[in-house]
C-alpha cells in the first residue's frame, strides 16, 4: 500500500515536471511566433505607406509595380 502511494506521488511529480517543461518550451516558441508576426505587420505597413506615396507621386510607376508583382506567370517546360 505504501509502495502504491509512493509510486503515485512519484508519477505525479514527474508529470508536473514534464508539464512545466513543455509549457516553458511552448511559451518561448509562442513568444518568437508573436514577435515574427509583429515584425511582418510592421514591414507590411511600411510597404503600404511607400506604395501609397509612389502611387500619389508617380501613378505610372505604381501601375508597373502592380503589374510586376501581380502577374500570372506561365511556366514553359
Protein backbone atom coordinates (compact mmCIF):
# COMPACT_ATOMS: atom_id res chain seq x y z
CA UNK A 1 0.00 0.00 0.00
CA UNK A 2 2.82 2.42 0.86
CA UNK A 3 4.54 1.44 -2.38
CA UNK A 4 1.42 2.30 -4.41
CA UNK A 5 1.08 5.68 -2.70
CA UNK A 6 4.77 6.49 -3.25
CA UNK A 7 4.65 5.45 -6.93
CA UNK A 8 1.54 7.56 -7.50
CA UNK A 9 3.27 10.54 -5.90
CA UNK A 10 6.41 9.93 -7.98
CA UNK A 11 4.42 9.78 -11.22
CA UNK A 12 2.51 12.91 -10.24
CA UNK A 13 5.78 14.78 -9.62
CA UNK A 14 7.27 13.56 -12.92
CA UNK A 15 4.08 14.60 -14.71
CA UNK A 16 4.18 18.08 -13.20
CA UNK A 17 7.86 18.43 -14.14
CA UNK A 18 7.18 17.31 -17.73
CA UNK A 19 4.15 19.59 -18.00
CA UNK A 20 6.12 22.58 -16.73
CA UNK A 21 8.95 21.84 -19.18
CA UNK A 22 6.54 21.56 -22.11
CA UNK A 23 4.82 24.84 -21.28
CA UNK A 24 8.17 26.64 -20.93
CA UNK A 25 9.23 25.44 -24.38
CA UNK A 26 5.85 26.30 -25.94
CA UNK A 27 5.90 29.68 -24.21
CA UNK A 28 9.23 30.52 -25.84
CA UNK A 29 8.04 29.32 -29.25
CA UNK A 30 4.83 31.30 -28.88
CA UNK A 31 6.84 34.41 -27.98
CA UNK A 32 9.05 34.02 -31.06
CA UNK A 33 5.99 33.48 -33.28
CA UNK A 34 4.26 36.60 -31.94
CA UNK A 35 7.46 38.62 -32.41
CA UNK A 36 7.72 37.45 -36.05
CA UNK A 37 4.08 38.38 -36.71
CA UNK A 38 4.63 41.86 -35.22
CA UNK A 39 7.73 42.39 -37.40
CA UNK A 40 5.84 41.19 -40.50
CA UNK A 41 2.97 43.60 -39.80
CA UNK A 42 5.39 46.50 -39.36
CA UNK A 43 7.09 45.67 -42.67
CA UNK A 44 3.70 45.42 -44.39
CA UNK A 45 2.67 48.83 -43.01
CA UNK A 46 5.91 50.46 -44.19
CA UNK A 47 5.49 48.82 -47.62
CA UNK A 48 1.89 50.03 -47.89
CA UNK A 49 2.89 53.58 -46.98
CA UNK A 50 5.73 53.51 -49.53
CA UNK A 51 3.37 52.17 -52.23
CA UNK A 52 0.80 54.84 -51.39
CA UNK A 53 3.46 57.54 -51.70
CA UNK A 54 4.62 56.13 -55.06
CA UNK A 55 1.01 55.91 -56.22
CA UNK A 56 0.40 59.58 -55.38
CA UNK A 57 3.69 60.89 -56.80
CA UNK A 58 4.03 58.61 -59.85
CA UNK A 59 0.93 56.63 -60.88
CA UNK A 60 2.75 55.07 -63.85
CA UNK A 61 5.44 53.58 -61.65
CA UNK A 62 2.79 52.26 -59.26
CA UNK A 63 0.99 50.62 -62.19
CA UNK A 64 4.23 48.95 -63.34
CA UNK A 65 4.93 47.72 -59.82
CA UNK A 66 1.40 46.34 -59.51
CA UNK A 67 1.71 44.57 -62.87
CA UNK A 68 5.13 43.19 -61.98
CA UNK A 69 4.10 41.68 -58.64
CA UNK A 70 0.58 40.51 -59.57
CA UNK A 71 1.26 38.98 -62.97
CA UNK A 72 0.38 35.36 -63.56
CA UNK A 73 3.49 33.51 -64.55
CA UNK A 74 3.10 30.88 -67.24
CA UNK A 75 5.52 28.00 -66.89
CA UNK A 76 7.05 26.65 -70.05
CA UNK A 77 8.78 23.31 -69.82
